[in-house]
Amino acid sequence: MRSRSADPERGSATAELAVALPAVALVLALCLAGVQLGARQVGLEDAAADAARALGRGDGAGEASAIAGRNAPGATLAVTSEPPFVCAMLTAPSGGLLAGIRLRAESCALDGGR
């Protein structure tokens, strides 16, 4: 009959992996959520620039809002005008794992359409 105390380290690597695996998965999920957050911010900045250009051309706030909505779904548009510029500010929830974070992007263009 074999003794159970022959190898006291037997199975310790499996136990350590079982303890560490959830932490590794959480770090990986947070890293992926950070990449998604960055991509959403870049898209929001592009949409703000497109909306500001539309406002600068003389399009109405409704058209600029539609452009922003196509490029950044769920974003809300606020328009400000400080001659000679017209500015578009978009805010949107980040969504996903980091849904509590609100993103904001602002872009201005020359107000040449008015």
C-alpha atoms as a PDB file:
ATOM      1  CA  MET A   1       0.000   0.000   0.000  1.00  0.00           C
ATOM      2  CA  ARG A   2       1.297   3.464  -0.929  1.00  0.00           C
ATOM      3  CA  SER A   3       1.658   6.132   1.665  1.00  0.00           C
ATOM      4  CA  ARG A   4      -0.365   9.314   1.189  1.00  0.00           C
ATOM      5  CA  SER A   5       2.435  11.419   2.634  1.00  0.00           C
ATOM      6  CA  ALA A   6       4.932  10.321  -0.001  1.00  0.00           C
ATOM      7  CA  ASP A   7       4.506  13.582  -1.977  1.00  0.00           C
ATOM      8  CA  PRO A   8       3.065  16.441   0.114  1.00  0.00           C
ATOM      9  CA  GLU A   9       3.354  18.891  -2.820  1.00  0.00           C
ATOM     10  CA  ARG A  10       1.125  16.828  -5.081  1.00  0.00           C
ATOM     11  CA  GLY A  11      -1.749  18.909  -6.466  1.00  0.00           C
ATOM     12  CA  SER A  12      -0.449  22.256  -5.197  1.00  0.00           C
ATOM     13  CA  ALA A  13       0.042  23.651  -8.726  1.00  0.00           C
ATOM     14  CA  THR A  14      -3.567  22.858  -9.561  1.00  0.00           C
ATOM     15  CA  ALA A  15      -4.768  24.621  -6.425  1.00  0.00           C
ATOM     16  CA  GLU A  16      -2.624  27.690  -7.139  1.00  0.00           C
ATOM     17  CA  LEU A  17      -3.936  27.856 -10.696  1.00  0.00           C
ATOM     18  CA  ALA A  18      -7.514  27.597  -9.450  1.00  0.00           C
ATOM     19  CA  VAL A  19      -6.910  30.550  -7.135  1.00  0.00           C
ATOM     20  CA  ALA A  20      -5.058  32.711  -9.704  1.00  0.00           C
ATOM     21  CA  LEU A  21      -7.248  32.063 -12.762  1.00  0.00           C
ATOM     22  CA  PRO A  22     -10.174  34.331 -11.741  1.00  0.00           C
ATOM     23  CA  ALA A  23      -7.762  37.206 -11.077  1.00  0.00           C
ATOM     24  CA  VAL A  24      -6.130  36.747 -14.477  1.00  0.00           C
ATOM     25  CA  ALA A  25      -9.548  36.629 -16.151  1.00  0.00           C
ATOM     26  CA  LEU A  26     -10.604  39.844 -14.379  1.00  0.00           C
ATOM     27  CA  VAL A  27      -7.441  41.679 -15.455  1.00  0.00           C
ATOM     28  CA  LEU A  28      -7.924  40.499 -19.036  1.00  0.00           C
ATOM     29  CA  ALA A  29     -11.576  41.630 -19.022  1.00  0.00           C
ATOM     30  CA  LEU A  30     -10.590  45.066 -17.705  1.00  0.00           C
ATOM     31  CA  CYS A  31      -7.886  45.418 -20.365  1.00  0.00           C
ATOM     32  CA  LEU A  32     -10.342  44.549 -23.128  1.00  0.00           C
ATOM     33  CA  ALA A  33     -12.906  46.976 -21.682  1.00  0.00           C
ATOM     34  CA  GLY A  34     -10.242  49.704 -21.694  1.00  0.00           C
ATOM     35  CA  VAL A  35      -9.516  49.077 -25.367  1.00  0.00           C
ATOM     36  CA  GLN A  36     -13.246  49.203 -26.116  1.00  0.00           C
ATOM     37  CA  LEU A  37     -13.523  52.463 -24.166  1.00  0.00           C
ATOM     38  CA  GLY A  38     -10.685  53.990 -26.184  1.00  0.00           C
ATOM     39  CA  ALA A  39     -12.263  52.934 -29.469  1.00  0.00           C
ATOM     40  CA  ARG A  40     -15.609  54.432 -28.417  1.00  0.00           C
ATOM     41  CA  GLN A  41     -13.875  57.718 -27.498  1.00  0.00           C
ATOM     42  CA  VAL A  42     -12.154  57.918 -30.890  1.00  0.00           C
ATOM     43  CA  GLY A  43     -15.475  57.281 -32.635  1.00  0.00           C
ATOM     44  CA  LEU A  44     -17.118  59.983 -30.540  1.00  0.00           C
ATOM     45  CA  GLU A  45     -14.387  62.479 -31.461  1.00  0.00           C
ATOM     46  CA  ASP A  46     -14.824  61.680 -35.159  1.00  0.00           C
ATOM     47  CA  ALA A  47     -18.587  62.124 -34.868  1.00  0.00           C
ATOM     48  CA  ALA A  48     -18.126  65.477 -33.087  1.00  0.00           C
ATOM     49  CA  ALA A  49     -15.826  66.658 -35.888  1.00  0.00           C
ATOM     50  CA  ASP A  50     -18.346  65.598 -38.538  1.00  0.00           C
ATOM     51  CA  ALA A  51     -21.178  67.361 -36.697  1.00  0.00           C
ATOM     52  CA  ALA A  52     -19.096  70.538 -36.284  1.00  0.00           C
ATOM     53  CA  ARG A  53     -18.271  70.580 -40.018  1.00  0.00           C
ATOM     54  CA  ALA A  54     -21.961  70.184 -40.850  1.00  0.00           C
ATOM     55  CA  LEU A  55     -22.823  73.069 -38.531  1.00  0.00           C
ATOM     56  CA  GLY A  56     -20.048  75.164 -40.090  1.00  0.00           C
ATOM     57  CA  ARG A  57     -21.494  74.534 -43.559  1.00  0.00           C
ATOM     58  CA  GLY A  58     -24.787  75.954 -42.387  1.00  0.00           C
ATOM     59  CA  ASP A  59     -26.700  72.732 -41.830  1.00  0.00           C
ATOM     60  CA  GLY A  60     -29.154  72.829 -38.957  1.00  0.00           C
ATOM     61  CA  ALA A  61     -28.726  71.245 -35.552  1.00  0.00           C
ATOM     62  CA  GLY A  62     -31.110  68.470 -36.595  1.00  0.00           C
ATOM     63  CA  GLU A  63     -28.900  67.458 -39.506  1.00  0.00           C
ATOM     64  CA  ALA A  64     -25.775  67.630 -37.321  1.00  0.00           C
ATOM     65  CA  SER A  65     -27.513  65.495 -34.702  1.00  0.00           C
ATOM     66  CA  ALA A  66     -28.436  62.924 -37.360  1.00  0.00           C
ATOM     67  CA  ILE A  67     -24.814  62.803 -38.558  1.00  0.00           C
ATOM     68  CA  ALA A  68     -23.587  62.377 -34.990  1.00  0.00           C
ATOM     69  CA  GLY A  69     -26.205  59.696 -34.337  1.00  0.00           C
ATOM     70  CA  ARG A  70     -25.087  57.670 -37.351  1.00  0.00           C
ATOM     71  CA  ASN A  71     -21.428  57.799 -36.343  1.00  0.00           C
ATOM     72  CA  ALA A  72     -21.858  57.518 -32.560  1.00  0.00           C
ATOM     73  CA  PRO A  73     -25.143  55.810 -31.635  1.00  0.00           C
ATOM     74  CA  GLY A  74     -26.576  56.922 -28.315  1.00  0.00           C
ATOM     75  CA  ALA A  75     -24.674  60.218 -28.223  1.00  0.00           C
ATOM     76  CA  THR A  76     -26.354  63.512 -27.398  1.00  0.00           C
ATOM     77  CA  LEU A  77     -25.370  66.723 -29.171  1.00  0.00           C
ATOM     78  CA  ALA A  78     -25.004  70.191 -27.681  1.00  0.00           C
ATOM     79  CA  VAL A  79     -24.277  73.117 -30.011  1.00  0.00           C
ATOM     80  CA  THR A  80     -22.505  76.312 -28.954  1.00  0.00           C
ATOM     81  CA  SER A  81     -21.593  79.292 -31.073  1.00  0.00           C
ATOM     82  CA  GLU A  82     -18.729  81.671 -30.374  1.00  0.00           C
ATOM     83  CA  PRO A  83     -18.114  83.720 -33.528  1.00  0.00           C
ATOM     84  CA  PRO A  84     -16.380  82.910 -35.789  1.00  0.00           C
ATOM     85  CA  PHE A  85     -16.670  79.308 -34.565  1.00  0.00           C
ATOM     86  CA  VAL A  86     -19.527  76.892 -34.055  1.00  0.00           C
ATOM     87  CA  CYS A  87     -18.858  73.944 -31.746  1.00  0.00           C
ATOM     88  CA  ALA A  88     -20.441  70.516 -31.343  1.00  0.00           C
ATOM     89  CA  MET A  89     -20.122  68.671 -28.028  1.00  0.00           C
ATOM     90  CA  LEU A  90     -21.131  65.020 -27.862  1.00  0.00           C
ATOM     91  CA  THR A  91     -21.642  63.001 -24.692  1.00  0.00           C
ATOM     92  CA  ALA A  92     -22.352  59.289 -24.566  1.00  0.00           C
ATOM     93  CA  PRO A  93     -22.263  56.391 -22.131  1.00  0.00           C
ATOM     94  CA  SER A  94     -19.326  54.081 -22.602  1.00  0.00           C
ATOM     95  CA  GLY A  95     -21.304  50.840 -22.346  1.00  0.00           C
ATOM     96  CA  GLY A  96     -19.919  47.395 -21.682  1.00  0.00           C
ATOM     97  CA  LEU A  97     -18.026  46.534 -18.511  1.00  0.00           C
ATOM     98  CA  LEU A  98     -17.192  50.191 -17.778  1.00  0.00           C
ATOM     99  CA  ALA A  99     -20.743  51.476 -18.353  1.00  0.00           C
ATOM    100  CA  GLY A 100     -20.553  53.996 -15.505  1.00  0.00           C
ATOM    101  CA  ILE A 101     -18.099  56.173 -17.415  1.00  0.00           C
ATOM    102  CA  ARG A 102     -19.504  59.025 -19.542  1.00  0.00           C
ATOM    103  CA  LEU A 103     -17.492  59.992 -22.590  1.00  0.00           C
ATOM    104  CA  ARG A 104     -17.289  63.521 -23.973  1.00  0.00           C
ATOM    105  CA  ALA A 105     -15.866  64.947 -27.199  1.00  0.00           C
ATOM    106  CA  GLU A 106     -15.934  68.484 -28.558  1.00  0.00           C
ATOM    107  CA  SER A 107     -15.001  69.884 -31.941  1.00  0.00           C
ATOM    108  CA  CYS A 108     -15.297  73.340 -33.496  1.00  0.00           C
ATOM    109  CA  ALA A 109     -15.416  74.590 -37.076  1.00  0.00           C
ATOM    110  CA  LEU A 110     -15.476  77.990 -38.752  1.00  0.00           C
ATOM    111  CA  ASP A 111     -19.029  79.235 -39.057  1.00  0.00           C
ATOM    112  CA  GLY A 112     -18.906  79.986 -42.763  1.00  0.00           C
ATOM    113  CA  GLY A 113     -22.403  78.921 -43.699  1.00  0.00           C
ATOM    114  CA  ARG A 114     -24.230  81.833 -42.085  1.00  0.00           C
END
